[in-house]
N, C-alpha and C. Protein backbone atom coordinates (compact mmCIF):
# COMPACT_ATOMS: atom_id res chain seq x y z
N MET A 1 115.62 38.52 106.96
CA MET A 1 114.71 38.70 108.08
C MET A 1 113.31 38.29 107.69
N LYS A 2 112.63 37.62 108.61
CA LYS A 2 111.25 37.23 108.36
C LYS A 2 110.30 38.28 108.93
N LEU A 3 109.32 38.62 108.12
CA LEU A 3 108.26 39.52 108.55
C LEU A 3 106.94 38.83 108.28
N VAL A 4 105.97 39.04 109.14
CA VAL A 4 104.64 38.54 108.86
C VAL A 4 103.79 39.71 108.37
N LEU A 5 103.04 39.48 107.30
CA LEU A 5 102.10 40.47 106.82
C LEU A 5 100.77 40.17 107.49
N ALA A 6 100.28 41.13 108.26
CA ALA A 6 99.05 40.92 109.02
C ALA A 6 97.85 40.96 108.09
N SER A 7 97.78 39.95 107.23
CA SER A 7 96.70 39.85 106.26
C SER A 7 96.77 38.47 105.61
N ASN A 8 95.63 37.98 105.16
CA ASN A 8 95.60 36.78 104.34
C ASN A 8 95.11 37.10 102.93
N ASN A 9 95.09 38.39 102.60
CA ASN A 9 94.66 38.84 101.28
C ASN A 9 95.75 38.47 100.27
N LYS A 10 95.44 37.51 99.40
CA LYS A 10 96.46 37.00 98.48
C LYS A 10 96.92 38.07 97.49
N HIS A 11 96.02 39.02 97.15
CA HIS A 11 96.41 40.09 96.23
C HIS A 11 97.45 41.01 96.89
N LYS A 12 97.19 41.39 98.14
CA LYS A 12 98.15 42.24 98.86
C LYS A 12 99.47 41.52 99.04
N LEU A 13 99.41 40.24 99.43
CA LEU A 13 100.63 39.47 99.64
C LEU A 13 101.47 39.42 98.38
N SER A 14 100.82 39.22 97.24
CA SER A 14 101.53 39.19 95.96
C SER A 14 102.20 40.52 95.66
N GLU A 15 101.49 41.63 95.92
CA GLU A 15 102.04 42.95 95.65
C GLU A 15 103.23 43.24 96.57
N PHE A 16 103.11 42.87 97.85
CA PHE A 16 104.21 43.08 98.78
C PHE A 16 105.44 42.28 98.37
N ARG A 17 105.25 41.03 98.03
CA ARG A 17 106.38 40.20 97.64
C ARG A 17 107.02 40.69 96.35
N GLU A 18 106.19 41.14 95.41
CA GLU A 18 106.70 41.67 94.14
C GLU A 18 107.58 42.89 94.37
N MET A 19 107.13 43.79 95.23
CA MET A 19 107.85 45.04 95.46
C MET A 19 109.09 44.85 96.33
N LEU A 20 109.10 43.81 97.16
CA LEU A 20 110.23 43.62 98.08
C LEU A 20 111.11 42.44 97.69
N GLU A 21 110.95 41.97 96.44
CA GLU A 21 111.83 40.89 96.00
C GLU A 21 113.25 41.41 95.85
N ARG A 22 114.20 40.48 95.84
CA ARG A 22 115.62 40.81 95.78
C ARG A 22 116.07 41.60 97.01
N THR A 23 115.39 41.38 98.11
CA THR A 23 115.84 41.92 99.39
C THR A 23 116.00 40.75 100.35
N ASP A 24 116.47 41.02 101.54
CA ASP A 24 116.60 39.97 102.55
C ASP A 24 115.34 39.82 103.38
N ILE A 25 114.24 40.40 102.89
CA ILE A 25 112.98 40.35 103.62
C ILE A 25 112.12 39.21 103.10
N ALA A 26 111.83 38.24 103.95
CA ALA A 26 110.93 37.14 103.60
C ALA A 26 109.58 37.42 104.24
N ILE A 27 108.55 37.56 103.41
CA ILE A 27 107.23 37.92 103.91
C ILE A 27 106.33 36.70 104.01
N LEU A 28 105.78 36.49 105.20
CA LEU A 28 104.84 35.40 105.44
C LEU A 28 103.45 35.99 105.62
N SER A 29 102.46 35.28 105.12
CA SER A 29 101.08 35.67 105.44
C SER A 29 100.77 35.19 106.85
N GLN A 30 99.65 35.65 107.37
CA GLN A 30 99.25 35.20 108.71
C GLN A 30 99.08 33.68 108.73
N SER A 31 98.45 33.12 107.71
CA SER A 31 98.21 31.68 107.69
C SER A 31 99.52 30.91 107.60
N GLU A 32 100.47 31.41 106.81
CA GLU A 32 101.77 30.75 106.71
C GLU A 32 102.51 30.79 108.03
N ALA A 33 102.25 31.82 108.83
CA ALA A 33 102.89 31.94 110.14
C ALA A 33 102.11 31.20 111.22
N GLY A 34 101.00 30.56 110.83
CA GLY A 34 100.19 29.82 111.79
C GLY A 34 99.38 30.70 112.71
N LEU A 35 99.04 31.89 112.22
CA LEU A 35 98.33 32.85 113.06
C LEU A 35 96.91 33.06 112.56
N GLU A 36 95.96 32.87 113.46
CA GLU A 36 94.57 33.20 113.18
C GLU A 36 94.22 34.41 114.04
N LEU A 37 94.00 35.52 113.38
CA LEU A 37 93.82 36.77 114.12
C LEU A 37 92.88 37.70 113.38
N GLU A 38 91.87 38.17 114.09
CA GLU A 38 90.96 39.17 113.55
C GLU A 38 91.05 40.40 114.43
N VAL A 39 91.49 41.50 113.87
CA VAL A 39 91.69 42.73 114.63
C VAL A 39 90.58 43.71 114.29
N GLU A 40 89.99 44.29 115.32
CA GLU A 40 88.96 45.30 115.09
C GLU A 40 89.62 46.58 114.59
N GLU A 41 89.29 46.97 113.37
CA GLU A 41 89.90 48.15 112.77
C GLU A 41 89.03 49.36 113.11
N ASN A 42 89.25 49.88 114.30
CA ASN A 42 88.41 51.01 114.77
C ASN A 42 89.15 52.33 114.76
N GLY A 43 90.26 52.39 114.03
CA GLY A 43 90.97 53.66 113.89
C GLY A 43 90.24 54.60 112.96
N THR A 44 90.58 55.87 113.06
CA THR A 44 89.95 56.87 112.19
C THR A 44 90.83 57.26 111.02
N THR A 45 92.05 56.71 110.97
CA THR A 45 92.96 56.96 109.85
C THR A 45 93.51 55.63 109.36
N PHE A 46 94.03 55.63 108.13
CA PHE A 46 94.65 54.43 107.59
C PHE A 46 95.85 54.02 108.44
N GLU A 47 96.62 54.99 108.90
CA GLU A 47 97.80 54.70 109.71
C GLU A 47 97.43 54.01 111.02
N GLN A 48 96.37 54.48 111.66
CA GLN A 48 95.95 53.88 112.93
C GLN A 48 95.52 52.43 112.74
N ASN A 49 94.75 52.16 111.70
CA ASN A 49 94.30 50.79 111.45
C ASN A 49 95.46 49.87 111.11
N ALA A 50 96.42 50.35 110.31
CA ALA A 50 97.58 49.53 109.96
C ALA A 50 98.39 49.22 111.22
N PHE A 51 98.53 50.20 112.09
CA PHE A 51 99.27 49.96 113.34
C PHE A 51 98.58 48.92 114.21
N LEU A 52 97.27 48.99 114.33
CA LEU A 52 96.52 48.04 115.16
C LEU A 52 96.76 46.61 114.68
N LYS A 53 96.72 46.41 113.38
CA LYS A 53 96.91 45.06 112.83
C LYS A 53 98.35 44.58 112.99
N ALA A 54 99.31 45.45 112.70
CA ALA A 54 100.72 45.06 112.81
C ALA A 54 101.10 44.79 114.26
N GLU A 55 100.65 45.63 115.17
CA GLU A 55 100.97 45.45 116.59
C GLU A 55 100.42 44.13 117.12
N ALA A 56 99.19 43.81 116.75
CA ALA A 56 98.58 42.57 117.23
C ALA A 56 99.34 41.35 116.72
N ALA A 57 99.73 41.35 115.46
CA ALA A 57 100.47 40.22 114.89
C ALA A 57 101.86 40.10 115.51
N CYS A 58 102.52 41.24 115.71
CA CYS A 58 103.85 41.24 116.33
C CYS A 58 103.80 40.66 117.74
N LYS A 59 102.83 41.08 118.51
CA LYS A 59 102.70 40.58 119.89
C LYS A 59 102.37 39.09 119.92
N ALA A 60 101.56 38.65 118.97
CA ALA A 60 101.15 37.24 118.95
C ALA A 60 102.28 36.31 118.54
N LEU A 61 103.16 36.77 117.64
CA LEU A 61 104.20 35.90 117.09
C LEU A 61 105.60 36.18 117.62
N GLY A 62 105.80 37.38 118.14
CA GLY A 62 107.12 37.74 118.64
C GLY A 62 108.14 38.03 117.56
N ILE A 63 107.68 38.31 116.34
CA ILE A 63 108.56 38.68 115.24
C ILE A 63 108.02 39.97 114.62
N PRO A 64 108.85 40.68 113.85
CA PRO A 64 108.34 41.91 113.21
C PRO A 64 107.12 41.62 112.35
N ALA A 65 106.19 42.52 112.40
CA ALA A 65 104.96 42.37 111.62
C ALA A 65 104.64 43.67 110.92
N MET A 66 104.15 43.56 109.72
CA MET A 66 103.76 44.74 108.97
C MET A 66 102.32 44.61 108.50
N ALA A 67 101.69 45.74 108.32
CA ALA A 67 100.31 45.74 107.86
C ALA A 67 100.09 46.94 106.96
N ASP A 68 99.17 46.77 106.07
CA ASP A 68 98.76 47.85 105.18
C ASP A 68 97.30 48.13 105.43
N ASP A 69 96.96 49.39 105.52
CA ASP A 69 95.55 49.75 105.48
C ASP A 69 95.39 50.73 104.34
N SER A 70 94.48 50.41 103.47
CA SER A 70 94.35 51.23 102.28
C SER A 70 92.89 51.39 101.92
N GLY A 71 92.63 52.35 101.07
CA GLY A 71 91.26 52.56 100.65
C GLY A 71 91.15 53.69 99.66
N LEU A 72 89.93 53.95 99.30
CA LEU A 72 89.59 54.95 98.30
C LEU A 72 88.97 56.16 98.96
N VAL A 73 89.44 57.34 98.58
CA VAL A 73 88.94 58.60 99.13
C VAL A 73 88.37 59.42 97.98
N THR A 74 87.12 59.84 98.08
CA THR A 74 86.50 60.63 97.02
C THR A 74 86.17 62.03 97.53
N GLU A 75 86.32 63.01 96.66
CA GLU A 75 86.00 64.39 97.04
C GLU A 75 84.49 64.59 97.16
N ALA A 76 83.73 64.05 96.22
CA ALA A 76 82.29 64.30 96.18
C ALA A 76 81.56 63.73 97.38
N LEU A 77 82.09 62.65 97.96
CA LEU A 77 81.43 61.99 99.10
C LEU A 77 82.15 62.31 100.40
N ASN A 78 82.85 63.46 100.44
CA ASN A 78 83.53 63.90 101.67
C ASN A 78 84.49 62.86 102.24
N GLY A 79 85.21 62.22 101.33
CA GLY A 79 86.23 61.26 101.76
C GLY A 79 85.78 59.81 101.78
N GLU A 80 84.51 59.56 101.61
CA GLU A 80 84.04 58.17 101.61
C GLU A 80 84.52 57.44 100.35
N PRO A 81 84.68 56.12 100.44
CA PRO A 81 84.47 55.27 101.60
C PRO A 81 85.61 55.30 102.62
N GLY A 82 86.78 55.84 102.27
CA GLY A 82 87.87 56.04 103.23
C GLY A 82 88.27 54.77 103.95
N VAL A 83 88.40 54.87 105.30
CA VAL A 83 88.87 53.72 106.09
C VAL A 83 87.84 52.58 106.09
N TYR A 84 86.65 52.85 105.58
CA TYR A 84 85.62 51.81 105.51
C TYR A 84 85.53 51.19 104.12
N SER A 85 86.55 51.41 103.28
CA SER A 85 86.51 50.94 101.89
C SER A 85 86.21 49.44 101.78
N ALA A 86 86.83 48.63 102.62
CA ALA A 86 86.64 47.18 102.54
C ALA A 86 85.31 46.74 103.15
N ARG A 87 84.64 47.66 103.86
CA ARG A 87 83.36 47.31 104.53
C ARG A 87 82.23 48.19 104.03
N TYR A 88 82.47 48.89 102.96
CA TYR A 88 81.50 49.85 102.41
C TYR A 88 80.19 49.14 102.07
N GLY A 89 79.10 49.63 102.61
CA GLY A 89 77.80 49.03 102.33
C GLY A 89 77.46 47.83 103.19
N GLY A 90 78.37 47.44 104.09
CA GLY A 90 78.09 46.30 104.97
C GLY A 90 78.78 45.03 104.52
N GLU A 91 78.74 44.04 105.39
CA GLU A 91 79.49 42.80 105.16
C GLU A 91 78.91 41.95 104.04
N GLY A 92 77.68 42.21 103.63
CA GLY A 92 77.06 41.38 102.61
C GLY A 92 77.54 41.63 101.20
N LEU A 93 78.34 42.68 100.99
CA LEU A 93 78.78 43.03 99.64
C LEU A 93 80.17 42.48 99.33
N ASN A 94 80.37 42.07 98.08
CA ASN A 94 81.71 41.70 97.61
C ASN A 94 82.33 42.91 96.92
N ASP A 95 83.49 42.73 96.30
CA ASP A 95 84.17 43.85 95.63
C ASP A 95 83.27 44.54 94.61
N GLU A 96 82.60 43.73 93.78
CA GLU A 96 81.74 44.32 92.76
C GLU A 96 80.57 45.06 93.38
N GLY A 97 80.00 44.50 94.43
CA GLY A 97 78.89 45.16 95.09
C GLY A 97 79.28 46.50 95.68
N ARG A 98 80.51 46.56 96.21
CA ARG A 98 80.97 47.82 96.81
C ARG A 98 81.23 48.89 95.75
N TYR A 99 81.86 48.52 94.64
CA TYR A 99 82.12 49.58 93.66
C TYR A 99 80.86 49.99 92.93
N ARG A 100 79.90 49.09 92.81
CA ARG A 100 78.63 49.49 92.20
C ARG A 100 77.82 50.39 93.14
N LEU A 101 77.92 50.17 94.43
CA LEU A 101 77.30 51.08 95.40
C LEU A 101 77.94 52.45 95.30
N LEU A 102 79.26 52.48 95.18
CA LEU A 102 79.96 53.76 95.02
C LEU A 102 79.47 54.50 93.78
N LEU A 103 79.34 53.78 92.67
CA LEU A 103 78.87 54.41 91.43
C LEU A 103 77.46 54.97 91.60
N ARG A 104 76.61 54.25 92.29
CA ARG A 104 75.26 54.76 92.53
C ARG A 104 75.29 56.02 93.39
N ASN A 105 76.12 56.01 94.42
CA ASN A 105 76.20 57.16 95.32
C ASN A 105 76.80 58.39 94.64
N MET A 106 77.56 58.17 93.57
CA MET A 106 78.19 59.28 92.85
C MET A 106 77.48 59.59 91.53
N GLU A 107 76.37 58.96 91.31
CA GLU A 107 75.68 59.04 90.01
C GLU A 107 75.38 60.47 89.59
N ASN A 108 75.01 61.32 90.53
CA ASN A 108 74.57 62.67 90.20
C ASN A 108 75.62 63.75 90.44
N THR A 109 76.86 63.35 90.60
CA THR A 109 77.91 64.35 90.81
C THR A 109 78.85 64.42 89.61
N GLY A 110 79.28 65.64 89.32
CA GLY A 110 80.25 65.83 88.25
C GLY A 110 81.68 65.78 88.76
N ASN A 111 81.84 65.87 90.07
CA ASN A 111 83.17 65.80 90.67
C ASN A 111 83.56 64.34 90.85
N ARG A 112 84.41 63.84 89.97
CA ARG A 112 84.80 62.43 90.02
C ARG A 112 86.19 62.24 90.61
N ASN A 113 86.80 63.31 91.15
CA ASN A 113 88.16 63.23 91.67
C ASN A 113 88.24 62.28 92.86
N ALA A 114 89.29 61.47 92.87
CA ALA A 114 89.47 60.50 93.95
C ALA A 114 90.95 60.15 94.07
N MET A 115 91.29 59.49 95.15
CA MET A 115 92.64 58.97 95.28
C MET A 115 92.62 57.70 96.11
N PHE A 116 93.50 56.80 95.75
CA PHE A 116 93.77 55.63 96.56
C PHE A 116 94.85 56.02 97.57
N VAL A 117 94.71 55.55 98.80
CA VAL A 117 95.70 55.81 99.85
C VAL A 117 96.14 54.49 100.45
N SER A 118 97.42 54.36 100.71
CA SER A 118 97.95 53.18 101.39
C SER A 118 98.88 53.63 102.51
N ALA A 119 98.64 53.09 103.70
CA ALA A 119 99.53 53.34 104.83
C ALA A 119 100.12 52.00 105.26
N ILE A 120 101.44 51.93 105.31
CA ILE A 120 102.13 50.71 105.73
C ILE A 120 102.81 50.99 107.06
N VAL A 121 102.59 50.10 108.01
CA VAL A 121 103.21 50.22 109.33
C VAL A 121 103.88 48.90 109.68
N CYS A 122 105.09 48.98 110.19
CA CYS A 122 105.83 47.79 110.65
C CYS A 122 106.14 47.97 112.13
N VAL A 123 105.80 46.96 112.92
CA VAL A 123 106.03 47.00 114.36
C VAL A 123 107.02 45.91 114.73
N PHE A 124 108.02 46.26 115.52
CA PHE A 124 109.05 45.32 115.95
C PHE A 124 108.83 44.93 117.41
N PRO A 125 109.31 43.75 117.79
CA PRO A 125 109.15 43.31 119.18
C PRO A 125 109.74 44.26 120.22
N ASN A 126 110.74 45.06 119.81
CA ASN A 126 111.34 46.00 120.77
C ASN A 126 110.55 47.30 120.89
N GLY A 127 109.45 47.39 120.15
CA GLY A 127 108.60 48.58 120.23
C GLY A 127 108.82 49.59 119.13
N ASP A 128 109.85 49.39 118.31
CA ASP A 128 110.08 50.33 117.20
C ASP A 128 108.95 50.23 116.17
N VAL A 129 108.66 51.36 115.56
CA VAL A 129 107.60 51.42 114.57
C VAL A 129 108.10 52.19 113.34
N LEU A 130 107.92 51.61 112.16
CA LEU A 130 108.23 52.28 110.91
C LEU A 130 106.93 52.45 110.12
N GLN A 131 106.80 53.55 109.41
CA GLN A 131 105.60 53.71 108.60
C GLN A 131 105.87 54.52 107.34
N ALA A 132 105.05 54.27 106.34
CA ALA A 132 105.16 54.98 105.06
C ALA A 132 103.76 55.10 104.47
N ARG A 133 103.57 56.15 103.68
CA ARG A 133 102.26 56.41 103.07
C ARG A 133 102.43 56.68 101.58
N GLY A 134 101.52 56.15 100.79
CA GLY A 134 101.53 56.39 99.36
C GLY A 134 100.14 56.78 98.87
N GLU A 135 100.09 57.57 97.81
CA GLU A 135 98.82 58.00 97.24
C GLU A 135 98.86 57.86 95.72
N CYS A 136 97.71 57.63 95.14
CA CYS A 136 97.57 57.59 93.68
C CYS A 136 96.27 58.31 93.33
N ARG A 137 96.38 59.37 92.52
CA ARG A 137 95.22 60.19 92.20
C ARG A 137 94.63 59.82 90.84
N GLY A 138 93.32 59.90 90.77
CA GLY A 138 92.62 59.59 89.54
C GLY A 138 91.19 60.08 89.59
N VAL A 139 90.35 59.49 88.77
CA VAL A 139 88.92 59.86 88.75
C VAL A 139 88.10 58.58 88.73
N ILE A 140 86.86 58.70 89.22
CA ILE A 140 85.96 57.56 89.25
C ILE A 140 85.17 57.49 87.94
N LEU A 141 85.26 56.34 87.29
CA LEU A 141 84.52 56.13 86.05
C LEU A 141 83.02 56.00 86.35
N ARG A 142 82.21 56.01 85.30
CA ARG A 142 80.77 55.81 85.46
C ARG A 142 80.38 54.35 85.21
N ALA A 143 81.35 53.56 84.76
CA ALA A 143 81.13 52.12 84.56
C ALA A 143 82.48 51.42 84.68
N PRO A 144 82.51 50.18 85.17
CA PRO A 144 83.79 49.47 85.35
C PRO A 144 84.47 49.13 84.04
N ARG A 145 85.80 49.09 84.10
CA ARG A 145 86.62 48.71 82.96
C ARG A 145 87.77 47.84 83.43
N GLY A 146 88.05 46.75 82.74
CA GLY A 146 89.22 45.93 83.04
C GLY A 146 88.90 44.71 83.88
N GLU A 147 89.81 43.73 83.81
CA GLU A 147 89.61 42.45 84.49
C GLU A 147 90.67 42.18 85.56
N ASN A 148 91.68 43.03 85.66
CA ASN A 148 92.76 42.79 86.61
C ASN A 148 92.49 43.50 87.93
N GLY A 149 93.39 43.31 88.87
CA GLY A 149 93.28 44.01 90.14
C GLY A 149 92.16 43.49 91.01
N PHE A 150 91.77 44.30 91.98
CA PHE A 150 90.72 43.91 92.91
C PHE A 150 90.15 45.17 93.54
N GLY A 151 89.16 45.01 94.39
CA GLY A 151 88.58 46.17 95.06
C GLY A 151 87.94 47.13 94.08
N TYR A 152 88.32 48.39 94.19
CA TYR A 152 87.74 49.45 93.36
C TYR A 152 88.51 49.69 92.07
N ASP A 153 89.50 48.84 91.77
CA ASP A 153 90.34 49.03 90.59
C ASP A 153 89.55 49.22 89.29
N PRO A 154 88.45 48.48 89.06
CA PRO A 154 87.76 48.63 87.77
C PRO A 154 87.11 49.99 87.55
N VAL A 155 86.87 50.75 88.60
CA VAL A 155 86.21 52.06 88.43
C VAL A 155 87.16 53.23 88.69
N PHE A 156 88.44 52.94 88.91
CA PHE A 156 89.43 53.98 89.18
C PHE A 156 90.26 54.21 87.93
N TYR A 157 90.12 55.37 87.34
CA TYR A 157 90.75 55.71 86.06
C TYR A 157 91.92 56.64 86.26
N ILE A 158 93.04 56.34 85.58
CA ILE A 158 94.24 57.17 85.67
C ILE A 158 94.37 57.93 84.36
N PRO A 159 94.04 59.24 84.35
CA PRO A 159 94.04 60.02 83.11
C PRO A 159 95.37 59.97 82.35
N GLU A 160 96.48 60.00 83.09
CA GLU A 160 97.79 60.02 82.43
C GLU A 160 98.03 58.76 81.60
N LEU A 161 97.43 57.65 82.01
CA LEU A 161 97.63 56.39 81.31
C LEU A 161 96.48 56.05 80.37
N GLY A 162 95.35 56.73 80.57
CA GLY A 162 94.19 56.45 79.73
C GLY A 162 93.57 55.09 79.99
N ARG A 163 93.80 54.54 81.18
CA ARG A 163 93.26 53.22 81.52
C ARG A 163 92.82 53.21 82.98
N SER A 164 91.96 52.24 83.28
CA SER A 164 91.59 52.03 84.68
C SER A 164 92.67 51.21 85.37
N MET A 165 92.65 51.20 86.69
CA MET A 165 93.63 50.41 87.44
C MET A 165 93.50 48.93 87.10
N ALA A 166 92.28 48.49 86.77
CA ALA A 166 92.05 47.08 86.45
C ALA A 166 92.48 46.72 85.03
N GLU A 167 92.91 47.70 84.25
CA GLU A 167 93.41 47.44 82.89
C GLU A 167 94.93 47.39 82.85
N LEU A 168 95.56 47.52 84.00
CA LEU A 168 97.02 47.53 84.07
C LEU A 168 97.54 46.14 84.42
N THR A 169 98.75 45.82 83.97
CA THR A 169 99.43 44.61 84.43
C THR A 169 99.91 44.85 85.85
N MET A 170 100.30 43.78 86.53
CA MET A 170 100.82 43.92 87.90
C MET A 170 102.03 44.84 87.93
N GLU A 171 102.90 44.71 86.94
CA GLU A 171 104.11 45.54 86.88
C GLU A 171 103.74 47.01 86.69
N GLU A 172 102.80 47.27 85.81
CA GLU A 172 102.36 48.65 85.58
C GLU A 172 101.69 49.23 86.81
N LYS A 173 100.87 48.42 87.45
CA LYS A 173 100.17 48.88 88.65
C LYS A 173 101.14 49.21 89.77
N ASN A 174 102.11 48.34 90.01
CA ASN A 174 103.08 48.58 91.07
C ASN A 174 103.88 49.85 90.84
N ALA A 175 104.05 50.21 89.57
CA ALA A 175 104.85 51.40 89.24
C ALA A 175 104.13 52.70 89.60
N ILE A 176 102.80 52.68 89.68
CA ILE A 176 102.07 53.93 89.90
C ILE A 176 101.08 53.87 91.07
N SER A 177 100.86 52.68 91.63
CA SER A 177 99.80 52.54 92.63
C SER A 177 100.17 53.16 93.98
N HIS A 178 99.16 53.40 94.78
CA HIS A 178 99.32 53.90 96.14
C HIS A 178 100.15 52.93 96.98
N ARG A 179 99.86 51.63 96.86
CA ARG A 179 100.61 50.66 97.64
C ARG A 179 102.03 50.55 97.13
N GLY A 180 102.20 50.64 95.81
CA GLY A 180 103.54 50.63 95.25
C GLY A 180 104.37 51.80 95.74
N ALA A 181 103.76 53.00 95.77
CA ALA A 181 104.46 54.19 96.27
C ALA A 181 104.82 54.04 97.73
N ALA A 182 103.87 53.50 98.52
CA ALA A 182 104.14 53.32 99.95
C ALA A 182 105.23 52.28 100.17
N LEU A 183 105.23 51.22 99.36
CA LEU A 183 106.24 50.18 99.51
C LEU A 183 107.63 50.68 99.13
N VAL A 184 107.72 51.52 98.11
CA VAL A 184 109.01 52.10 97.74
C VAL A 184 109.58 52.91 98.90
N LYS A 185 108.72 53.73 99.49
CA LYS A 185 109.14 54.52 100.65
C LYS A 185 109.50 53.62 101.83
N PHE A 186 108.64 52.61 102.06
CA PHE A 186 108.88 51.71 103.19
C PHE A 186 110.20 50.96 103.02
N ARG A 187 110.47 50.49 101.81
CA ARG A 187 111.69 49.73 101.57
C ARG A 187 112.93 50.56 101.92
N LYS A 188 112.92 51.84 101.54
CA LYS A 188 114.06 52.71 101.85
C LYS A 188 114.19 52.90 103.36
N ILE A 189 113.07 53.16 104.02
CA ILE A 189 113.08 53.36 105.47
C ILE A 189 113.56 52.09 106.18
N PHE A 190 113.07 50.94 105.71
CA PHE A 190 113.42 49.67 106.33
C PHE A 190 114.90 49.36 106.16
N GLU A 191 115.43 49.60 104.95
CA GLU A 191 116.84 49.33 104.71
C GLU A 191 117.74 50.22 105.56
N GLU A 192 117.34 51.48 105.74
CA GLU A 192 118.09 52.38 106.62
C GLU A 192 118.03 51.89 108.06
N TYR A 193 116.88 51.41 108.46
CA TYR A 193 116.70 50.89 109.81
C TYR A 193 117.62 49.71 110.08
N LEU A 194 117.73 48.81 109.08
CA LEU A 194 118.55 47.62 109.26
C LEU A 194 120.04 47.93 109.33
N LYS A 195 120.44 49.09 108.80
CA LYS A 195 121.86 49.47 108.86
C LYS A 195 122.27 49.84 110.28
N GLU A 196 121.30 50.22 111.07
CA GLU A 196 121.56 50.57 112.46
C GLU A 196 121.46 49.32 113.31
N GLU A 197 121.92 49.40 114.54
CA GLU A 197 121.84 48.25 115.44
C GLU A 197 120.59 48.37 116.29
N HIS A 198 119.74 47.36 116.15
CA HIS A 198 118.49 47.35 116.92
C HIS A 198 118.30 45.98 117.54
N PRO A 199 117.91 45.91 118.79
CA PRO A 199 117.64 44.62 119.44
C PRO A 199 116.24 44.11 119.05
N CYS A 200 116.07 43.76 117.77
CA CYS A 200 114.75 43.34 117.28
C CYS A 200 114.37 41.99 117.84
């Protein structure tokens, strides 16, 4: 079955394909599907934003579409940056600019607890909706570490591993990450769904 991932983020696409390999699911990016689409992410939860993106892609292409909305939630900043993780500080900032802004905003707090959250939603042309959520808990470092990953990975430290998310290989990251956890759950839900008869 072909699914379109409502994103052109090459890092996300790679993670999705890695986690769903050896299945009958072929994942296309929006560009590979010939779709140019910008969806206003005005939801107040990760699940709402993922649904908005998946629904728009599904309606535009007439095939099942899935989307991920993910971000970083910190205790000290009352959940920020949360659903605004990719837009934290405004459009003028890149990944490094956003995590350095986060470090400045947390400079005077001793509470470094945080978690990455990923919500995956799949929308089918018949109106069916599948969703899964994954979380990964850690602490925010005071300086970046590592060269891998993207987003806030360099400042997100996993105490159990003694490394930041950006110091992990793709295989290691998928084994413990929020998106990896959500994809494991999603894969099981999706496979159960396919066992039933649906007019997709």
